[in-house]
Amino acid sequence: MTELNASFSLFPAQEKKSERSPDYGGTIEIPADQIDALVAHLGTQPESNWKDEPVVKLRIAGWKAQSQGGKNYLNGKISIPMRQQQQTAPVCDEAPSDEEVPF
């Protein structure tokens, strides 16, 4: 399956019309050649969320950024999460020595 490499930008709301108005707004951009990867992922077996509801998850990561005009915003990436088996780091029986720690 092709990797999904979508992005998003969230900017502070210019004007809040009520307490329920969002604090940030923006867009998600999915490259046209990656739509098939997104659709394929959305068709995978759902997993349960914290409320025990079936969901299909996407991973997001965000960074603070500043536009050329000086406005602060959040810039980020959206991707398909790695499978749990791939995320598990190998278990090490020994703690690293002081010489192995770079700080």
C-alpha atoms as a PDB file:
ATOM      1  CA  MET A   1       0.000   0.000   0.000  1.00  0.00           C
ATOM      2  CA  THR A   2       1.222   3.488  -0.798  1.00  0.00           C
ATOM      3  CA  GLU A   3       2.117   5.569   2.240  1.00  0.00           C
ATOM      4  CA  LEU A   4      -0.272   8.390   3.009  1.00  0.00           C
ATOM      5  CA  ASN A   5       1.541  11.717   3.247  1.00  0.00           C
ATOM      6  CA  ALA A   6      -1.184  14.304   3.813  1.00  0.00           C
ATOM      7  CA  SER A   7      -0.692  17.619   5.603  1.00  0.00           C
ATOM      8  CA  PHE A   8      -2.736  20.118   7.550  1.00  0.00           C
ATOM      9  CA  SER A   9      -2.514  23.705   8.757  1.00  0.00           C
ATOM     10  CA  LEU A  10      -4.468  25.183  11.675  1.00  0.00           C
ATOM     11  CA  PHE A  11      -4.618  28.937  12.161  1.00  0.00           C
ATOM     12  CA  PRO A  12      -6.055  30.795  15.160  1.00  0.00           C
ATOM     13  CA  ALA A  13      -9.614  31.957  14.558  1.00  0.00           C
ATOM     14  CA  GLN A  14      -9.742  35.549  13.401  1.00  0.00           C
ATOM     15  CA  GLU A  15     -12.989  36.221  15.187  1.00  0.00           C
ATOM     16  CA  LYS A  16     -14.932  34.101  17.643  1.00  0.00           C
ATOM     17  CA  LYS A  17     -18.639  34.780  17.233  1.00  0.00           C
ATOM     18  CA  SER A  18     -19.585  32.774  20.333  1.00  0.00           C
ATOM     19  CA  GLU A  19     -18.025  30.639  23.071  1.00  0.00           C
ATOM     20  CA  ARG A  20     -18.715  27.580  20.919  1.00  0.00           C
ATOM     21  CA  SER A  21     -16.819  28.931  17.903  1.00  0.00           C
ATOM     22  CA  PRO A  22     -13.607  27.033  17.141  1.00  0.00           C
ATOM     23  CA  ASP A  23     -10.293  28.422  18.370  1.00  0.00           C
ATOM     24  CA  TYR A  24      -8.486  27.212  15.222  1.00  0.00           C
ATOM     25  CA  GLY A  25      -9.445  26.495  11.645  1.00  0.00           C
ATOM     26  CA  GLY A  26      -7.672  25.229   8.574  1.00  0.00           C
ATOM     27  CA  THR A  27      -7.464  22.602   5.899  1.00  0.00           C
ATOM     28  CA  ILE A  28      -6.241  19.070   5.285  1.00  0.00           C
ATOM     29  CA  GLU A  29      -4.480  18.522   1.973  1.00  0.00           C
ATOM     30  CA  ILE A  30      -4.380  15.004   0.558  1.00  0.00           C
ATOM     31  CA  PRO A  31      -2.380  14.656  -2.659  1.00  0.00           C
ATOM     32  CA  ALA A  32      -4.620  13.273  -5.406  1.00  0.00           C
ATOM     33  CA  ASP A  33      -2.258  10.367  -6.067  1.00  0.00           C
ATOM     34  CA  GLN A  34      -2.683   9.229  -2.446  1.00  0.00           C
ATOM     35  CA  ILE A  35      -6.487   9.089  -2.303  1.00  0.00           C
ATOM     36  CA  ASP A  36      -6.399   5.351  -3.051  1.00  0.00           C
ATOM     37  CA  ALA A  37      -4.103   4.755  -0.054  1.00  0.00           C
ATOM     38  CA  LEU A  38      -6.478   6.693   2.211  1.00  0.00           C
ATOM     39  CA  VAL A  39      -9.556   4.852   0.931  1.00  0.00           C
ATOM     40  CA  ALA A  40      -7.781   1.489   1.346  1.00  0.00           C
ATOM     41  CA  HIS A  41      -6.860   2.355   4.937  1.00  0.00           C
ATOM     42  CA  LEU A  42     -10.385   3.525   5.746  1.00  0.00           C
ATOM     43  CA  GLY A  43     -11.622   0.125   4.589  1.00  0.00           C
ATOM     44  CA  THR A  44      -9.416  -1.770   7.066  1.00  0.00           C
ATOM     45  CA  GLN A  45     -10.689  -3.581  10.128  1.00  0.00           C
ATOM     46  CA  PRO A  46     -11.767  -1.017  12.740  1.00  0.00           C
ATOM     47  CA  GLU A  47     -10.349  -1.067  16.252  1.00  0.00           C
ATOM     48  CA  SER A  48     -11.983   0.134  19.458  1.00  0.00           C
ATOM     49  CA  ASN A  49     -11.375   3.629  20.803  1.00  0.00           C
ATOM     50  CA  TRP A  50     -11.407   4.610  24.487  1.00  0.00           C
ATOM     51  CA  LYS A  51     -15.236   4.585  24.466  1.00  0.00           C
ATOM     52  CA  ASP A  52     -15.193   1.070  22.968  1.00  0.00           C
ATOM     53  CA  GLU A  53     -16.568   2.375  19.661  1.00  0.00           C
ATOM     54  CA  PRO A  54     -15.267   0.969  16.359  1.00  0.00           C
ATOM     55  CA  VAL A  55     -12.935   3.459  14.640  1.00  0.00           C
ATOM     56  CA  VAL A  56     -10.259   3.610  11.939  1.00  0.00           C
ATOM     57  CA  LYS A  57      -7.331   5.694  13.166  1.00  0.00           C
ATOM     58  CA  LEU A  58      -5.004   8.086  11.361  1.00  0.00           C
ATOM     59  CA  ARG A  59      -1.819   9.408  12.954  1.00  0.00           C
ATOM     60  CA  ILE A  60      -1.254  13.165  13.196  1.00  0.00           C
ATOM     61  CA  ALA A  61       1.822  15.122  14.181  1.00  0.00           C
ATOM     62  CA  GLY A  62       2.026  18.901  14.488  1.00  0.00           C
ATOM     63  CA  TRP A  63       4.656  21.595  14.768  1.00  0.00           C
ATOM     64  CA  LYS A  64       4.469  25.256  15.685  1.00  0.00           C
ATOM     65  CA  ALA A  65       5.177  27.394  12.627  1.00  0.00           C
ATOM     66  CA  GLN A  66       5.072  31.004  11.499  1.00  0.00           C
ATOM     67  CA  SER A  67       3.760  32.247   8.147  1.00  0.00           C
ATOM     68  CA  GLN A  68       5.739  34.615   5.960  1.00  0.00           C
ATOM     69  CA  GLY A  69       3.363  37.303   7.207  1.00  0.00           C
ATOM     70  CA  GLY A  70       4.368  36.591  10.819  1.00  0.00           C
ATOM     71  CA  LYS A  71       1.219  34.716  11.912  1.00  0.00           C
ATOM     72  CA  ASN A  72       1.695  31.746  14.223  1.00  0.00           C
ATOM     73  CA  TYR A  73      -0.047  28.509  13.292  1.00  0.00           C
ATOM     74  CA  LEU A  74       0.199  24.723  13.595  1.00  0.00           C
ATOM     75  CA  ASN A  75       1.518  22.789  10.622  1.00  0.00           C
ATOM     76  CA  GLY A  76       1.298  19.029  10.523  1.00  0.00           C
ATOM     77  CA  LYS A  77       1.314  15.692   8.799  1.00  0.00           C
ATOM     78  CA  ILE A  78      -1.303  12.978   8.652  1.00  0.00           C
ATOM     79  CA  SER A  79      -0.258   9.387   8.078  1.00  0.00           C
ATOM     80  CA  ILE A  80      -1.419   5.810   8.411  1.00  0.00           C
ATOM     81  CA  PRO A  81      -0.336   4.479  11.819  1.00  0.00           C
ATOM     82  CA  MET A  82       2.275   1.732  11.959  1.00  0.00           C
ATOM     83  CA  ARG A  83       0.955  -1.616  13.112  1.00  0.00           C
ATOM     84  CA  GLN A  84       1.374  -2.305  16.829  1.00  0.00           C
ATOM     85  CA  GLN A  85       3.943  -5.030  16.147  1.00  0.00           C
ATOM     86  CA  GLN A  86       6.126  -2.580  14.214  1.00  0.00           C
ATOM     87  CA  GLN A  87       5.889   0.067  16.949  1.00  0.00           C
ATOM     88  CA  THR A  88       7.111  -2.209  19.729  1.00  0.00           C
ATOM     89  CA  ALA A  89      10.782  -1.570  20.447  1.00  0.00           C
ATOM     90  CA  PRO A  90      12.987  -4.542  21.202  1.00  0.00           C
ATOM     91  CA  VAL A  91      13.388  -5.218  24.896  1.00  0.00           C
ATOM     92  CA  CYS A  92      16.892  -4.697  26.264  1.00  0.00           C
ATOM     93  CA  ASP A  93      17.911  -6.470  29.469  1.00  0.00           C
ATOM     94  CA  GLU A  94      20.682  -3.995  30.307  1.00  0.00           C
ATOM     95  CA  ALA A  95      20.534  -0.279  30.942  1.00  0.00           C
ATOM     96  CA  PRO A  96      22.976   1.746  28.801  1.00  0.00           C
ATOM     97  CA  SER A  97      26.242   2.681  30.481  1.00  0.00           C
ATOM     98  CA  ASP A  98      27.098   6.315  31.176  1.00  0.00           C
ATOM     99  CA  GLU A  99      29.505   6.179  28.224  1.00  0.00           C
ATOM    100  CA  GLU A 100      26.692   5.176  25.850  1.00  0.00           C
ATOM    101  CA  VAL A 101      24.347   8.039  26.854  1.00  0.00           C
ATOM    102  CA  PRO A 102      25.075  11.092  24.679  1.00  0.00           C
ATOM    103  CA  PHE A 103      24.187  13.712  27.313  1.00  0.00           C
END
